[in-house]
Structures are given as C-alpha cells and as structure tokens.
Amino acid sequence: MNINVFAACLSVILLSICGVKGAEPLSVGLVNVDRILKEYKPLNDKIDPLKTEAKDLDGAVQVRQAELETVANQARQTQPGSPEFQRLQIQLVKLQTDLQQFVAKGRHDLQQKEATVYLAFFRQLDAEISKYAKANGLKLVLRQYETSFEDGQSLPDVAKALNRTILYEEGLDITDSILKAMRTPASGGQR
C-alpha cells in the first residue's frame, strides 16, 4: 500500500474514532514489535536452536553437493557412451533429485518449526497488548517500526526510515510495558 494512501486511511480512522469535535481525546499507544522480537529472551531461546538447525542443514547440503560434484567429475573423465558413463549419469541424476528433495524438505521443516514458534509468540503478544490497552484505556495500538537517520545504514534501513508511518510521538510508546508484562509469570509470560 502506498504510504500516502495508508496515511489518509489512518487519518480517516482516527477521525472516525475521535468522533465529533470536542470529544474525548483519542487514547493511542505504540508498540515497537521489532524491539520486542530482539529483546524477548524466551522467543530467542526458541529461535536459536532453529538457527543452529539451519546451519546444520547447510552443512549437510554442502556435503551432498560435494558428492554430486565428485560424481560429475568422474563422468567428465569417462568415455561418453560407455557403460560406466551411463551408470555415472544415472547416479548423477539420482543425486541431483535426492539433493533437491533433501533441501526442499529441510527448508519446509524449518519453516514449519519457525512458523509455529512465531505464531505462539504473536498470539501471546496480541493478548498482552489487548490486556494492557483495556487496562489503560487505549482505543488504538499501532505498530511502530525501529527507524533512524544514522549515517552508514543499509539501503533497506534508510527506505524503512523514510517510509515510516509515525513521524512523531511523545509518550505513546508502550513497548517497555508490554515487554515487562510478557516477562512477568503472572501474565503468562516467561522471565
């Protein structure tokens, strides 16, 4: 969605929530989900083993690729059309097929595990935000992205900073409160 269209839609939503002139001021909160993703240890404790598993998968793929390359080199050194050449070609095709299936299954399994972890996390986050918003009279909670205009940033980070939706806020960021609530055992969070 174009940022201008989004800003216009947000303005319409805010005006419709505020109602008529003189109505009670809109209670809004901002949550920096990027920061929570970085700082929430229980989530990172679940994601770190998946990162290790991904590295292990990459290592296993490299081993299989080396095996495939060895067979390909043997085929190049064999007389074309000979029975040995035909055997090596069949073996090469089988190794390529096996490698493709291995990579696809490995990536799929990792993505499924990661999706399960993130789904549980975002359900917990949504519940904490909802509970906090209701307890503090917030009518709207928006996602705030981590952005800045520092020198030496990557192009995607600069683009993210330039296209941010929230240009100014003062005292609306509830990220610390949400992190604290998620870390508190009584709220269902973990330390």
N, C-alpha and C. Protein backbone atom coordinates (compact mmCIF):
# COMPACT_ATOMS: atom_id res chain seq x y z
N MET A 1 0.85 -1.17 0.00
CA MET A 1 0.00 0.00 0.00
C MET A 1 0.89 1.23 0.00
N ASN A 2 0.56 2.19 -0.84
CA ASN A 2 1.28 3.45 -0.90
C ASN A 2 1.20 4.14 0.45
N ILE A 3 2.30 4.74 0.88
CA ILE A 3 2.37 5.38 2.20
C ILE A 3 1.37 6.52 2.31
N ASN A 4 1.14 7.26 1.22
CA ASN A 4 0.17 8.36 1.27
C ASN A 4 -1.25 7.83 1.43
N VAL A 5 -1.57 6.75 0.76
CA VAL A 5 -2.89 6.14 0.90
C VAL A 5 -3.06 5.63 2.32
N PHE A 6 -2.01 5.00 2.87
CA PHE A 6 -2.07 4.50 4.24
C PHE A 6 -2.28 5.64 5.22
N ALA A 7 -1.55 6.74 5.05
CA ALA A 7 -1.68 7.89 5.94
C ALA A 7 -3.09 8.47 5.87
N ALA A 8 -3.65 8.55 4.66
CA ALA A 8 -5.01 9.07 4.50
C ALA A 8 -6.01 8.15 5.19
N CYS A 9 -5.84 6.83 5.02
CA CYS A 9 -6.74 5.87 5.67
C CYS A 9 -6.62 5.97 7.18
N LEU A 10 -5.40 6.11 7.68
CA LEU A 10 -5.18 6.23 9.12
C LEU A 10 -5.85 7.49 9.65
N SER A 11 -5.75 8.59 8.90
CA SER A 11 -6.40 9.83 9.32
C SER A 11 -7.90 9.66 9.41
N VAL A 12 -8.50 9.01 8.41
CA VAL A 12 -9.95 8.77 8.41
C VAL A 12 -10.33 7.91 9.61
N ILE A 13 -9.56 6.88 9.88
CA ILE A 13 -9.83 6.00 11.02
C ILE A 13 -9.74 6.79 12.32
N LEU A 14 -8.68 7.57 12.47
CA LEU A 14 -8.52 8.36 13.70
C LEU A 14 -9.64 9.36 13.87
N LEU A 15 -10.05 10.03 12.80
CA LEU A 15 -11.15 10.99 12.89
C LEU A 15 -12.45 10.30 13.24
N SER A 16 -12.69 9.12 12.66
CA SER A 16 -13.94 8.42 12.95
C SER A 16 -13.95 7.89 14.38
N ILE A 17 -12.80 7.51 14.91
CA ILE A 17 -12.73 7.05 16.30
C ILE A 17 -12.93 8.23 17.24
N CYS A 18 -12.33 9.36 16.91
CA CYS A 18 -12.44 10.54 17.77
C CYS A 18 -13.87 11.09 17.78
N GLY A 19 -14.57 10.92 16.69
CA GLY A 19 -15.94 11.41 16.62
C GLY A 19 -15.98 12.90 16.40
N VAL A 20 -16.96 13.50 17.00
CA VAL A 20 -17.20 14.93 16.81
C VAL A 20 -16.17 15.78 17.55
N LYS A 21 -16.07 17.02 17.10
CA LYS A 21 -15.16 17.96 17.74
C LYS A 21 -15.53 18.13 19.22
N GLY A 22 -14.53 18.15 20.07
CA GLY A 22 -14.76 18.30 21.50
C GLY A 22 -14.93 16.97 22.21
N ALA A 23 -14.87 15.88 21.47
CA ALA A 23 -15.00 14.57 22.09
C ALA A 23 -13.73 14.26 22.88
N GLU A 24 -13.82 13.24 23.68
CA GLU A 24 -12.68 12.80 24.48
C GLU A 24 -11.48 12.54 23.58
N PRO A 25 -10.26 12.95 23.99
CA PRO A 25 -9.09 12.73 23.13
C PRO A 25 -8.84 11.23 22.92
N LEU A 26 -8.33 10.94 21.76
CA LEU A 26 -8.05 9.56 21.38
C LEU A 26 -6.88 9.02 22.19
N SER A 27 -7.08 7.86 22.76
CA SER A 27 -6.01 7.21 23.52
C SER A 27 -5.32 6.22 22.60
N VAL A 28 -4.06 6.50 22.31
CA VAL A 28 -3.30 5.71 21.36
C VAL A 28 -2.02 5.22 22.03
N GLY A 29 -1.60 4.03 21.68
CA GLY A 29 -0.33 3.50 22.13
C GLY A 29 0.46 2.98 20.94
N LEU A 30 1.77 2.98 21.06
CA LEU A 30 2.65 2.48 20.02
C LEU A 30 3.47 1.33 20.58
N VAL A 31 3.64 0.28 19.79
CA VAL A 31 4.45 -0.85 20.19
C VAL A 31 5.51 -1.09 19.12
N ASN A 32 6.75 -1.18 19.55
CA ASN A 32 7.86 -1.46 18.65
C ASN A 32 8.08 -2.97 18.65
N VAL A 33 7.42 -3.65 17.74
CA VAL A 33 7.48 -5.11 17.68
C VAL A 33 8.89 -5.58 17.31
N ASP A 34 9.59 -4.80 16.49
CA ASP A 34 10.97 -5.17 16.12
C ASP A 34 11.84 -5.28 17.37
N ARG A 35 11.69 -4.33 18.27
CA ARG A 35 12.48 -4.34 19.51
C ARG A 35 12.11 -5.52 20.39
N ILE A 36 10.82 -5.81 20.47
CA ILE A 36 10.38 -6.96 21.26
C ILE A 36 10.95 -8.25 20.69
N LEU A 37 10.94 -8.37 19.37
CA LEU A 37 11.50 -9.57 18.73
C LEU A 37 12.98 -9.75 19.08
N LYS A 38 13.71 -8.65 19.19
CA LYS A 38 15.13 -8.72 19.52
C LYS A 38 15.37 -9.00 21.00
N GLU A 39 14.55 -8.40 21.86
CA GLU A 39 14.83 -8.41 23.29
C GLU A 39 14.12 -9.49 24.09
N TYR A 40 13.09 -10.10 23.55
CA TYR A 40 12.31 -11.06 24.33
C TYR A 40 13.03 -12.41 24.34
N LYS A 41 13.73 -12.68 25.44
CA LYS A 41 14.59 -13.85 25.56
C LYS A 41 13.88 -15.19 25.32
N PRO A 42 12.68 -15.43 25.87
CA PRO A 42 12.04 -16.72 25.61
C PRO A 42 11.83 -17.01 24.12
N LEU A 43 11.54 -15.97 23.35
CA LEU A 43 11.41 -16.17 21.90
C LEU A 43 12.76 -16.52 21.30
N ASN A 44 13.79 -15.77 21.66
CA ASN A 44 15.12 -16.02 21.12
C ASN A 44 15.65 -17.39 21.54
N ASP A 45 15.28 -17.84 22.74
CA ASP A 45 15.69 -19.17 23.19
C ASP A 45 15.07 -20.27 22.33
N LYS A 46 13.91 -19.99 21.74
CA LYS A 46 13.26 -20.96 20.86
C LYS A 46 13.76 -20.85 19.42
N ILE A 47 14.16 -19.65 19.02
CA ILE A 47 14.63 -19.42 17.64
C ILE A 47 16.09 -19.85 17.46
N ASP A 48 16.92 -19.67 18.48
CA ASP A 48 18.35 -20.01 18.36
C ASP A 48 18.60 -21.45 17.93
N PRO A 49 17.90 -22.45 18.51
CA PRO A 49 18.12 -23.82 18.04
C PRO A 49 17.73 -24.01 16.56
N LEU A 50 16.75 -23.23 16.11
CA LEU A 50 16.36 -23.33 14.69
C LEU A 50 17.45 -22.75 13.80
N LYS A 51 18.14 -21.72 14.28
CA LYS A 51 19.26 -21.16 13.52
C LYS A 51 20.39 -22.18 13.43
N THR A 52 20.63 -22.90 14.53
CA THR A 52 21.65 -23.95 14.54
C THR A 52 21.24 -25.07 13.58
N GLU A 53 19.97 -25.41 13.61
CA GLU A 53 19.47 -26.46 12.72
C GLU A 53 19.63 -26.04 11.25
N ALA A 54 19.42 -24.75 10.96
CA ALA A 54 19.58 -24.25 9.59
C ALA A 54 21.04 -24.34 9.15
N LYS A 55 21.97 -24.04 10.07
CA LYS A 55 23.40 -24.16 9.75
C LYS A 55 23.77 -25.62 9.51
N ASP A 56 23.21 -26.52 10.33
CA ASP A 56 23.46 -27.95 10.14
C ASP A 56 22.93 -28.42 8.79
N LEU A 57 21.76 -27.91 8.42
CA LEU A 57 21.19 -28.26 7.11
C LEU A 57 22.11 -27.77 5.99
N ASP A 58 22.60 -26.55 6.11
CA ASP A 58 23.52 -26.02 5.09
C ASP A 58 24.77 -26.88 4.97
N GLY A 59 25.29 -27.33 6.13
CA GLY A 59 26.46 -28.20 6.11
C GLY A 59 26.18 -29.52 5.42
N ALA A 60 25.02 -30.11 5.69
CA ALA A 60 24.64 -31.37 5.06
C ALA A 60 24.45 -31.19 3.56
N VAL A 61 23.91 -30.04 3.16
CA VAL A 61 23.72 -29.75 1.73
C VAL A 61 25.08 -29.64 1.05
N GLN A 62 26.04 -28.99 1.70
CA GLN A 62 27.38 -28.85 1.11
C GLN A 62 28.05 -30.20 0.93
N VAL A 63 27.86 -31.10 1.89
CA VAL A 63 28.42 -32.45 1.78
C VAL A 63 27.82 -33.17 0.58
N ARG A 64 26.50 -33.07 0.43
CA ARG A 64 25.83 -33.73 -0.69
C ARG A 64 26.24 -33.09 -2.03
N GLN A 65 26.43 -31.78 -2.03
CA GLN A 65 26.87 -31.11 -3.26
C GLN A 65 28.27 -31.55 -3.65
N ALA A 66 29.13 -31.75 -2.66
CA ALA A 66 30.49 -32.22 -2.93
C ALA A 66 30.45 -33.62 -3.52
N GLU A 67 29.58 -34.47 -2.98
CA GLU A 67 29.42 -35.82 -3.51
C GLU A 67 28.92 -35.77 -4.95
N LEU A 68 27.99 -34.88 -5.22
CA LEU A 68 27.44 -34.71 -6.57
C LEU A 68 28.54 -34.23 -7.52
N GLU A 69 29.36 -33.29 -7.07
CA GLU A 69 30.44 -32.77 -7.89
C GLU A 69 31.48 -33.85 -8.18
N THR A 70 31.75 -34.71 -7.21
CA THR A 70 32.70 -35.81 -7.41
C THR A 70 32.21 -36.74 -8.51
N VAL A 71 30.94 -37.09 -8.47
CA VAL A 71 30.37 -37.97 -9.50
C VAL A 71 30.38 -37.26 -10.85
N ALA A 72 30.10 -35.96 -10.88
CA ALA A 72 30.12 -35.20 -12.14
C ALA A 72 31.53 -35.18 -12.72
N ASN A 73 32.53 -35.01 -11.87
CA ASN A 73 33.93 -35.04 -12.35
C ASN A 73 34.30 -36.41 -12.89
N GLN A 74 33.84 -37.45 -12.23
CA GLN A 74 34.11 -38.81 -12.71
C GLN A 74 33.45 -39.01 -14.09
N ALA A 75 32.25 -38.50 -14.25
CA ALA A 75 31.54 -38.64 -15.53
C ALA A 75 32.27 -37.90 -16.64
N ARG A 76 32.84 -36.73 -16.31
CA ARG A 76 33.58 -35.96 -17.32
C ARG A 76 34.84 -36.69 -17.79
N GLN A 77 35.40 -37.51 -16.90
CA GLN A 77 36.64 -38.21 -17.23
C GLN A 77 36.39 -39.58 -17.85
N THR A 78 35.13 -39.95 -17.99
CA THR A 78 34.78 -41.26 -18.53
C THR A 78 34.38 -41.10 -19.99
N GLN A 79 34.66 -42.13 -20.78
CA GLN A 79 34.33 -42.14 -22.21
C GLN A 79 32.82 -42.03 -22.40
N PRO A 80 32.34 -40.97 -23.09
CA PRO A 80 30.90 -40.85 -23.34
C PRO A 80 30.35 -42.09 -24.06
N GLY A 81 29.18 -42.52 -23.63
CA GLY A 81 28.53 -43.67 -24.24
C GLY A 81 28.92 -45.01 -23.62
N SER A 82 29.99 -45.04 -22.84
CA SER A 82 30.41 -46.29 -22.22
C SER A 82 29.43 -46.67 -21.11
N PRO A 83 29.40 -47.96 -20.73
CA PRO A 83 28.52 -48.38 -19.63
C PRO A 83 28.82 -47.62 -18.32
N GLU A 84 30.10 -47.35 -18.06
CA GLU A 84 30.47 -46.61 -16.85
C GLU A 84 29.93 -45.18 -16.89
N PHE A 85 29.99 -44.56 -18.07
CA PHE A 85 29.47 -43.20 -18.24
C PHE A 85 27.96 -43.18 -18.00
N GLN A 86 27.27 -44.16 -18.56
CA GLN A 86 25.81 -44.24 -18.37
C GLN A 86 25.46 -44.47 -16.90
N ARG A 87 26.22 -45.31 -16.22
CA ARG A 87 26.00 -45.56 -14.80
C ARG A 87 26.20 -44.28 -13.99
N LEU A 88 27.27 -43.55 -14.31
CA LEU A 88 27.55 -42.29 -13.60
C LEU A 88 26.48 -41.23 -13.89
N GLN A 89 25.97 -41.19 -15.13
CA GLN A 89 24.89 -40.24 -15.45
C GLN A 89 23.63 -40.56 -14.64
N ILE A 90 23.30 -41.83 -14.54
CA ILE A 90 22.12 -42.23 -13.75
C ILE A 90 22.33 -41.87 -12.28
N GLN A 91 23.54 -42.14 -11.80
CA GLN A 91 23.85 -41.82 -10.40
C GLN A 91 23.80 -40.30 -10.18
N LEU A 92 24.28 -39.53 -11.14
CA LEU A 92 24.26 -38.07 -11.05
C LEU A 92 22.84 -37.53 -10.99
N VAL A 93 21.98 -38.05 -11.85
CA VAL A 93 20.57 -37.62 -11.85
C VAL A 93 19.91 -37.97 -10.52
N LYS A 94 20.20 -39.16 -10.01
CA LYS A 94 19.62 -39.57 -8.72
C LYS A 94 20.12 -38.67 -7.60
N LEU A 95 21.42 -38.37 -7.60
CA LEU A 95 21.97 -37.49 -6.56
C LEU A 95 21.37 -36.09 -6.63
N GLN A 96 21.18 -35.58 -7.85
CA GLN A 96 20.58 -34.26 -8.02
C GLN A 96 19.14 -34.25 -7.49
N THR A 97 18.39 -35.27 -7.84
CA THR A 97 17.00 -35.37 -7.39
C THR A 97 16.94 -35.50 -5.87
N ASP A 98 17.79 -36.36 -5.33
CA ASP A 98 17.82 -36.53 -3.87
C ASP A 98 18.19 -35.23 -3.17
N LEU A 99 19.15 -34.50 -3.72
CA LEU A 99 19.58 -33.23 -3.14
C LEU A 99 18.43 -32.22 -3.15
N GLN A 100 17.74 -32.11 -4.27
CA GLN A 100 16.62 -31.18 -4.37
C GLN A 100 15.54 -31.52 -3.35
N GLN A 101 15.23 -32.80 -3.21
CA GLN A 101 14.22 -33.23 -2.25
C GLN A 101 14.68 -32.99 -0.82
N PHE A 102 15.94 -33.25 -0.55
CA PHE A 102 16.51 -33.05 0.78
C PHE A 102 16.44 -31.57 1.18
N VAL A 103 16.84 -30.69 0.26
CA VAL A 103 16.81 -29.25 0.52
C VAL A 103 15.37 -28.78 0.72
N ALA A 104 14.47 -29.20 -0.15
CA ALA A 104 13.07 -28.78 -0.04
C ALA A 104 12.45 -29.24 1.28
N LYS A 105 12.68 -30.48 1.65
CA LYS A 105 12.12 -31.00 2.90
C LYS A 105 12.75 -30.31 4.10
N GLY A 106 14.06 -30.12 4.07
CA GLY A 106 14.75 -29.46 5.18
C GLY A 106 14.26 -28.03 5.39
N ARG A 107 14.13 -27.29 4.30
CA ARG A 107 13.64 -25.91 4.39
C ARG A 107 12.19 -25.88 4.86
N HIS A 108 11.38 -26.76 4.31
CA HIS A 108 9.97 -26.81 4.71
C HIS A 108 9.84 -27.11 6.20
N ASP A 109 10.59 -28.09 6.68
CA ASP A 109 10.52 -28.45 8.10
C ASP A 109 10.96 -27.28 8.99
N LEU A 110 12.03 -26.60 8.59
CA LEU A 110 12.49 -25.44 9.36
C LEU A 110 11.46 -24.31 9.36
N GLN A 111 10.87 -24.06 8.19
CA GLN A 111 9.86 -23.01 8.10
C GLN A 111 8.65 -23.34 8.94
N GLN A 112 8.27 -24.60 8.98
CA GLN A 112 7.13 -25.01 9.81
C GLN A 112 7.43 -24.79 11.29
N LYS A 113 8.62 -25.19 11.71
CA LYS A 113 9.01 -25.01 13.12
C LYS A 113 9.05 -23.52 13.48
N GLU A 114 9.64 -22.73 12.59
CA GLU A 114 9.74 -21.29 12.83
C GLU A 114 8.35 -20.66 12.88
N ALA A 115 7.48 -21.05 11.97
CA ALA A 115 6.12 -20.51 11.94
C ALA A 115 5.37 -20.85 13.23
N THR A 116 5.56 -22.06 13.73
CA THR A 116 4.91 -22.47 14.98
C THR A 116 5.38 -21.61 16.14
N VAL A 117 6.69 -21.36 16.22
CA VAL A 117 7.24 -20.54 17.29
C VAL A 117 6.71 -19.10 17.19
N TYR A 118 6.75 -18.52 15.99
CA TYR A 118 6.30 -17.14 15.82
C TYR A 118 4.79 -17.00 16.03
N LEU A 119 4.02 -17.99 15.61
CA LEU A 119 2.58 -17.94 15.80
C LEU A 119 2.24 -17.90 17.30
N ALA A 120 2.88 -18.76 18.07
CA ALA A 120 2.65 -18.78 19.52
C ALA A 120 3.09 -17.45 20.14
N PHE A 121 4.22 -16.92 19.70
CA PHE A 121 4.71 -15.64 20.22
C PHE A 121 3.73 -14.51 19.91
N PHE A 122 3.28 -14.41 18.67
CA PHE A 122 2.39 -13.30 18.29
C PHE A 122 1.02 -13.43 18.95
N ARG A 123 0.57 -14.64 19.21
CA ARG A 123 -0.66 -14.80 19.99
C ARG A 123 -0.48 -14.25 21.39
N GLN A 124 0.65 -14.57 22.00
CA GLN A 124 0.96 -14.07 23.35
C GLN A 124 1.09 -12.55 23.32
N LEU A 125 1.79 -12.02 22.33
CA LEU A 125 1.97 -10.57 22.20
C LEU A 125 0.63 -9.88 22.03
N ASP A 126 -0.21 -10.39 21.14
CA ASP A 126 -1.54 -9.80 20.93
C ASP A 126 -2.35 -9.80 22.22
N ALA A 127 -2.29 -10.89 22.97
CA ALA A 127 -3.03 -10.98 24.23
C ALA A 127 -2.52 -9.94 25.23
N GLU A 128 -1.21 -9.78 25.33
CA GLU A 128 -0.64 -8.80 26.27
C GLU A 128 -0.98 -7.38 25.85
N ILE A 129 -0.92 -7.09 24.56
CA ILE A 129 -1.26 -5.75 24.08
C ILE A 129 -2.73 -5.46 24.36
N SER A 130 -3.59 -6.41 24.09
CA SER A 130 -5.02 -6.25 24.33
C SER A 130 -5.30 -6.01 25.81
N LYS A 131 -4.69 -6.82 26.66
CA LYS A 131 -4.88 -6.69 28.11
C LYS A 131 -4.38 -5.31 28.59
N TYR A 132 -3.21 -4.90 28.12
CA TYR A 132 -2.65 -3.61 28.50
C TYR A 132 -3.54 -2.47 28.01
N ALA A 133 -3.98 -2.55 26.76
CA ALA A 133 -4.81 -1.49 26.18
C ALA A 133 -6.11 -1.33 26.96
N LYS A 134 -6.75 -2.42 27.28
CA LYS A 134 -8.00 -2.35 28.04
C LYS A 134 -7.76 -1.79 29.44
N ALA A 135 -6.70 -2.22 30.09
CA ALA A 135 -6.40 -1.77 31.45
C ALA A 135 -6.02 -0.29 31.49
N ASN A 136 -5.49 0.24 30.40
CA ASN A 136 -5.02 1.62 30.37
C ASN A 136 -5.87 2.54 29.50
N GLY A 137 -7.02 2.06 29.08
CA GLY A 137 -7.95 2.89 28.31
C GLY A 137 -7.48 3.27 26.92
N LEU A 138 -6.65 2.45 26.33
CA LEU A 138 -6.20 2.73 24.96
C LEU A 138 -7.24 2.22 23.98
N LYS A 139 -7.57 3.05 23.00
CA LYS A 139 -8.55 2.68 21.98
C LYS A 139 -7.88 2.17 20.72
N LEU A 140 -6.60 2.48 20.56
CA LEU A 140 -5.88 2.12 19.35
C LEU A 140 -4.42 1.88 19.69
N VAL A 141 -3.86 0.78 19.23
CA VAL A 141 -2.44 0.50 19.40
C VAL A 141 -1.87 0.23 18.00
N LEU A 142 -0.86 1.01 17.64
CA LEU A 142 -0.22 0.91 16.33
C LEU A 142 1.16 0.30 16.46
N ARG A 143 1.59 -0.35 15.39
CA ARG A 143 2.95 -0.88 15.36
C ARG A 143 3.89 0.24 14.94
N GLN A 144 4.92 0.42 15.73
CA GLN A 144 5.96 1.41 15.44
C GLN A 144 7.20 0.66 15.02
N TYR A 145 7.79 1.06 13.91
CA TYR A 145 8.99 0.40 13.42
C TYR A 145 10.22 1.10 13.97
N GLU A 146 11.27 0.32 14.15
CA GLU A 146 12.54 0.85 14.61
C GLU A 146 13.22 1.52 13.44
N THR A 147 13.30 2.86 13.48
CA THR A 147 13.92 3.59 12.38
C THR A 147 14.77 4.72 12.92
N SER A 148 15.72 5.13 12.11
CA SER A 148 16.55 6.29 12.45
C SER A 148 17.21 6.78 11.17
N PHE A 149 17.81 7.94 11.25
CA PHE A 149 18.50 8.51 10.09
C PHE A 149 20.01 8.56 10.34
N GLU A 150 20.57 7.45 10.74
CA GLU A 150 22.01 7.40 11.03
C GLU A 150 22.80 7.21 9.74
N ASP A 151 24.02 7.72 9.72
CA ASP A 151 24.90 7.54 8.57
C ASP A 151 25.34 6.08 8.49
N GLY A 152 25.58 5.62 7.28
CA GLY A 152 26.12 4.29 7.09
C GLY A 152 25.09 3.17 7.14
N GLN A 153 23.80 3.51 7.11
CA GLN A 153 22.76 2.48 7.14
C GLN A 153 22.65 1.80 5.77
N SER A 154 22.13 0.60 5.79
CA SER A 154 21.87 -0.10 4.53
C SER A 154 20.69 0.58 3.83
N LEU A 155 20.59 0.39 2.54
CA LEU A 155 19.51 0.99 1.76
C LEU A 155 18.12 0.58 2.27
N PRO A 156 17.89 -0.71 2.60
CA PRO A 156 16.58 -1.08 3.14
C PRO A 156 16.25 -0.36 4.45
N ASP A 157 17.26 -0.14 5.31
CA ASP A 157 17.02 0.57 6.57
C ASP A 157 16.70 2.04 6.33
N VAL A 158 17.36 2.65 5.36
CA VAL A 158 17.08 4.04 5.01
C VAL A 158 15.66 4.14 4.45
N ALA A 159 15.28 3.21 3.57
CA ALA A 159 13.94 3.22 2.99
C ALA A 159 12.89 3.04 4.08
N LYS A 160 13.17 2.16 5.02
CA LYS A 160 12.23 1.94 6.13
C LYS A 160 12.07 3.22 6.95
N ALA A 161 13.16 3.92 7.20
CA ALA A 161 13.10 5.17 7.97
C ALA A 161 12.34 6.25 7.21
N LEU A 162 12.54 6.32 5.91
CA LEU A 162 11.86 7.33 5.10
C LEU A 162 10.35 7.04 4.95
N ASN A 163 9.98 5.78 4.97
CA ASN A 163 8.59 5.40 4.75
C ASN A 163 7.82 5.10 6.04
N ARG A 164 8.37 5.47 7.17
CA ARG A 164 7.69 5.17 8.43
C ARG A 164 6.36 5.90 8.48
N THR A 165 5.42 5.33 9.16
CA THR A 165 4.08 5.89 9.27
C THR A 165 4.03 6.93 10.37
N ILE A 166 4.69 6.68 11.47
CA ILE A 166 4.64 7.56 12.63
C ILE A 166 5.86 8.48 12.57
N LEU A 167 5.61 9.76 12.37
CA LEU A 167 6.69 10.72 12.22
C LEU A 167 7.10 11.34 13.55
N TYR A 168 6.18 11.41 14.48
CA TYR A 168 6.48 11.99 15.78
C TYR A 168 5.57 11.34 16.81
N GLU A 169 6.12 11.08 17.96
CA GLU A 169 5.32 10.57 19.09
C GLU A 169 6.00 11.01 20.37
N GLU A 170 5.17 11.27 21.34
CA GLU A 170 5.72 11.63 22.64
C GLU A 170 4.87 10.94 23.70
N GLY A 171 5.50 10.02 24.39
CA GLY A 171 4.83 9.36 25.50
C GLY A 171 3.80 8.32 25.11
N LEU A 172 3.79 7.89 23.85
CA LEU A 172 2.80 6.90 23.42
C LEU A 172 3.38 5.49 23.32
N ASP A 173 4.71 5.38 23.38
CA ASP A 173 5.36 4.08 23.22
C ASP A 173 5.14 3.22 24.47
N ILE A 174 4.47 2.10 24.29
CA ILE A 174 4.17 1.18 25.40
C ILE A 174 5.01 -0.09 25.32
N THR A 175 6.03 -0.08 24.48
CA THR A 175 6.86 -1.27 24.26
C THR A 175 7.46 -1.81 25.55
N ASP A 176 8.03 -0.93 26.38
CA ASP A 176 8.63 -1.38 27.63
C ASP A 176 7.60 -2.05 28.54
N SER A 177 6.42 -1.48 28.61
CA SER A 177 5.36 -2.06 29.44
C SER A 177 4.94 -3.43 28.93
N ILE A 178 4.86 -3.58 27.62
CA ILE A 178 4.47 -4.87 27.03
C ILE A 178 5.56 -5.90 27.29
N LEU A 179 6.82 -5.52 27.09
CA LEU A 179 7.94 -6.43 27.38
C LEU A 179 7.92 -6.86 28.84
N LYS A 180 7.70 -5.91 29.73
CA LYS A 180 7.66 -6.22 31.16
C LYS A 180 6.52 -7.18 31.46
N ALA A 181 5.35 -6.94 30.88
CA ALA A 181 4.19 -7.81 31.10
C ALA A 181 4.44 -9.22 30.57
N MET A 182 5.12 -9.32 29.43
CA MET A 182 5.40 -10.64 28.85
C MET A 182 6.41 -11.40 29.69
N ARG A 183 7.27 -10.68 30.39
CA ARG A 183 8.30 -11.32 31.21
C ARG A 183 7.78 -11.70 32.59
N THR A 184 6.60 -11.21 32.95
CA THR A 184 6.03 -11.46 34.27
C THR A 184 5.27 -12.77 34.26
N PRO A 185 5.65 -13.73 35.12
CA PRO A 185 4.99 -15.05 35.13
C PRO A 185 3.48 -14.98 35.34
N ALA A 186 2.99 -14.02 36.13
CA ALA A 186 1.55 -13.92 36.41
C ALA A 186 0.75 -13.65 35.15
N SER A 187 1.35 -13.00 34.15
CA SER A 187 0.62 -12.67 32.92
C SER A 187 0.72 -13.77 31.89
N GLY A 188 1.39 -14.83 32.23
CA GLY A 188 1.56 -15.92 31.27
C GLY A 188 2.87 -15.83 30.54
N GLY A 189 3.61 -14.72 30.73
CA GLY A 189 4.91 -14.57 30.10
C GLY A 189 5.97 -15.34 30.86
N GLN A 190 7.18 -15.31 30.35
CA GLN A 190 8.28 -16.01 30.99
C GLN A 190 9.38 -15.01 31.27
N ARG A 191 10.20 -15.31 32.22
CA ARG A 191 11.32 -14.41 32.54
C ARG A 191 12.44 -14.58 31.57
